[in-house]
Protein backbone atom coordinates (compact mmCIF):
# COMPACT_ATOMS: atom_id res chain seq x y z
CA MET A 1 94.49 30.84 -30.07
CA ILE A 2 92.05 32.53 -32.43
CA HIS A 3 89.91 29.46 -32.93
CA ARG A 4 89.26 28.90 -29.22
CA ARG A 5 88.18 32.80 -29.23
CA SER A 6 85.67 32.70 -31.79
CA MET A 7 84.09 29.26 -30.09
CA VAL A 8 83.76 31.27 -27.01
CA GLN A 9 81.97 34.18 -28.82
CA ALA A 10 79.62 31.55 -30.67
CA VAL A 11 78.80 30.09 -27.50
CA VAL A 12 78.01 33.42 -25.76
CA PHE A 13 75.74 34.95 -28.69
CA ILE A 14 73.51 31.65 -28.37
CA VAL A 15 73.03 31.89 -24.54
CA LEU A 16 72.17 35.42 -25.11
CA GLY A 17 69.93 34.63 -27.99
CA ILE A 18 68.00 31.97 -25.89
CA LEU A 19 68.08 34.52 -23.03
CA VAL A 20 66.06 36.58 -25.17
CA ALA A 21 63.83 34.42 -26.77
CA LEU A 22 62.78 33.26 -23.12
CA PHE A 23 62.41 36.90 -22.16
CA MET A 24 60.06 37.51 -25.16
CA ARG A 25 58.24 33.78 -24.02
CA SER A 26 57.61 35.12 -20.71
CA ARG A 27 55.81 38.56 -21.49
CA GLU A 28 53.42 36.54 -23.78
CA THR A 29 49.97 36.53 -22.38
CA ARG A 30 46.71 35.01 -23.52
CA GLY A 31 43.97 37.15 -25.03
CA PRO A 32 40.34 36.25 -26.33
CA ASN A 33 42.26 35.40 -29.94
CA GLY A 34 45.40 33.66 -28.41
CA PRO A 35 48.70 34.33 -27.63
CA THR A 36 50.00 38.25 -27.77
CA THR A 37 52.64 39.63 -26.81
CA THR A 38 52.55 42.54 -24.57
CA THR A 39 55.09 45.58 -24.34
CA PRO A 40 55.47 48.17 -21.90
CA ALA A 41 53.30 50.63 -23.57
CA GLU A 42 50.42 48.20 -24.23
CA THR A 43 50.39 47.82 -20.22
CA GLU A 44 49.15 51.14 -19.15
CA ARG A 45 45.39 50.78 -20.82
CA THR A 46 42.61 53.09 -20.33
CA GLU A 47 38.96 52.09 -20.00
CA GLU A 48 38.61 52.64 -23.97
CA ALA A 49 40.93 49.58 -24.12
CA ARG A 50 38.21 47.44 -22.93
CA PRO A 51 35.11 48.51 -24.08
CA TRP A 52 33.10 45.75 -23.03
CA THR A 53 33.53 46.04 -19.24
CA ALA A 54 33.26 49.98 -20.01
CA ASP A 55 30.16 49.22 -21.40
CA LEU A 56 29.05 47.50 -18.39
CA PRO A 57 25.93 48.95 -16.03
CA ALA A 58 27.73 50.78 -13.48
CA GLU A 59 25.10 49.09 -10.82
CA THR A 60 27.23 45.76 -11.48
CA THR A 61 30.68 47.09 -11.54
CA GLY A 62 30.13 49.36 -8.34
CA GLU A 63 33.37 50.69 -7.37
CA TRP A 64 36.31 48.64 -8.68
CA ARG A 65 39.81 49.53 -8.15
CA ALA A 66 41.62 50.08 -11.40
CA ASP A 67 44.87 48.21 -10.02
CA LEU A 68 43.70 44.91 -9.03
CA PRO A 69 43.43 41.98 -11.14
CA ARG A 70 39.66 41.39 -11.76
CA LEU A 71 37.67 37.78 -11.82
CA LEU A 72 34.10 38.43 -13.89
CA VAL A 73 31.94 35.56 -13.95
CA LEU A 74 29.33 36.83 -16.73
CA ALA A 75 25.82 34.71 -15.76
CA GLY A 76 22.95 34.21 -17.12
CA ASP A 77 19.47 32.58 -16.24
CA ASN A 78 20.44 28.97 -16.14
CA GLU A 79 21.30 26.64 -13.61
CA GLU A 80 25.46 26.22 -14.33
CA SER A 81 25.36 30.51 -13.74
CA ARG A 82 23.43 29.60 -10.24
CA ASP A 83 25.51 27.29 -9.15
CA MET A 84 28.84 29.72 -9.91
CA LYS A 85 27.48 32.17 -7.56
CA ALA A 86 28.39 31.03 -4.11
CA ALA A 87 31.68 29.80 -4.92
CA VAL A 88 32.08 33.41 -6.12
CA ASP A 89 30.49 34.91 -3.31
CA ARG A 90 33.06 33.35 -1.17
CA LEU A 91 35.98 34.04 -3.51
CA ALA A 92 34.88 37.67 -3.58
CA GLY A 93 35.25 37.96 0.44
CA GLU A 94 38.60 36.11 0.73
CA TYR A 95 40.40 38.23 -1.97
CA GLU A 96 38.79 41.46 -1.20
CA ASP A 97 41.22 43.52 -0.95
CA ARG A 98 43.75 41.65 -3.64
CA ALA A 99 41.23 41.52 -6.95
CA VAL A 100 38.05 42.04 -7.53
CA VAL A 101 35.87 39.08 -7.78
CA ALA A 102 32.34 39.82 -9.50
CA TYR A 103 29.48 37.76 -10.60
CA LEU A 104 27.68 39.93 -13.26
CA ASP A 105 24.10 38.58 -13.80
CA LEU A 106 23.53 39.88 -17.15
CA PRO A 107 20.77 40.33 -19.18
CA VAL A 108 21.44 37.53 -22.06
CA HIS A 109 19.86 39.47 -25.14
CA ARG A 110 21.71 42.76 -24.17
CA ASP A 111 25.24 42.28 -23.27
CA ARG A 112 25.98 39.15 -25.58
CA GLU A 113 27.49 40.97 -28.13
CA LYS A 114 29.35 43.42 -25.46
CA THR A 115 31.21 40.58 -24.27
CA ALA A 116 31.77 38.34 -27.09
CA THR A 117 30.02 35.70 -25.04
CA LYS A 118 28.65 32.94 -26.49
CA THR A 119 27.49 31.00 -23.47
CA PHE A 120 26.77 31.52 -20.18
CA PRO A 121 28.24 31.81 -17.49
CA THR A 122 31.61 32.64 -19.00
CA THR A 123 34.28 33.30 -16.81
CA VAL A 124 36.74 36.08 -17.43
CA LEU A 125 40.14 36.99 -15.80
CA ILE A 126 41.28 40.47 -16.80
CA ASP A 127 44.86 41.46 -15.26
CA ARG A 128 46.12 44.65 -13.36
CA TYR A 129 46.81 46.36 -16.30
CA GLY A 130 43.12 45.41 -18.07
CA ASN A 131 44.52 42.84 -20.46
CA GLU A 132 41.79 39.65 -20.67
CA THR A 133 44.46 36.74 -19.45
CA TRP A 134 41.81 33.62 -19.36
CA ARG A 135 38.18 32.98 -20.43
CA LYS A 136 36.69 29.80 -20.09
CA GLU A 137 32.83 29.25 -21.36
CA GLY A 138 30.32 27.07 -18.91
CA PHE A 139 30.73 25.94 -15.45
CA VAL A 140 34.58 26.51 -13.76
CA PRO A 141 35.40 24.41 -10.48
CA VAL A 142 36.04 26.57 -7.34
CA GLU A 143 39.72 25.24 -7.50
CA GLU A 144 40.02 26.02 -11.03
CA LEU A 145 38.76 29.69 -10.07
CA GLU A 146 41.12 29.99 -6.98
CA ALA A 147 44.18 28.79 -8.97
CA LYS A 148 43.69 31.53 -11.74
CA LEU A 149 42.98 33.84 -8.69
CA ARG A 150 46.36 32.83 -6.98
CA GLU A 151 48.17 33.31 -10.02
CA ALA A 152 47.01 36.87 -11.18
CA CYS A 153 47.35 37.91 -7.19
CA ARG A 154 51.46 37.28 -7.57
């Protein structure tokens, strides 16, 4: 009887351990430096936590709603950046009430260091808590942009 009881306890502890591990893994996000784990205290971010977005010129950011995810295309003066403009404008209209989608035509010499961008265009997805969850340098197909937006708006 005691043997069966200890086996049941062992199974329960193993299952609980697996559930805790799965829960912790589900809280992982991808930041610019790889996977990071967020804690509830970290989800309430301020502009100080995202210095490069706070430093963007006011005329490029307009009136962004802080509670929405943001898909930003940091563009330079090159063909790949210009190719993405039409797709970004279309997505901005489609996701108007659910996300901020912005094409930011940044002066390469001034804003490259602030945004940690090596290549233009660079597409950045920031969740509703201010965490950068995805970044891709170079041209991004509209289908991939849509998929990332759908995921962020859930």
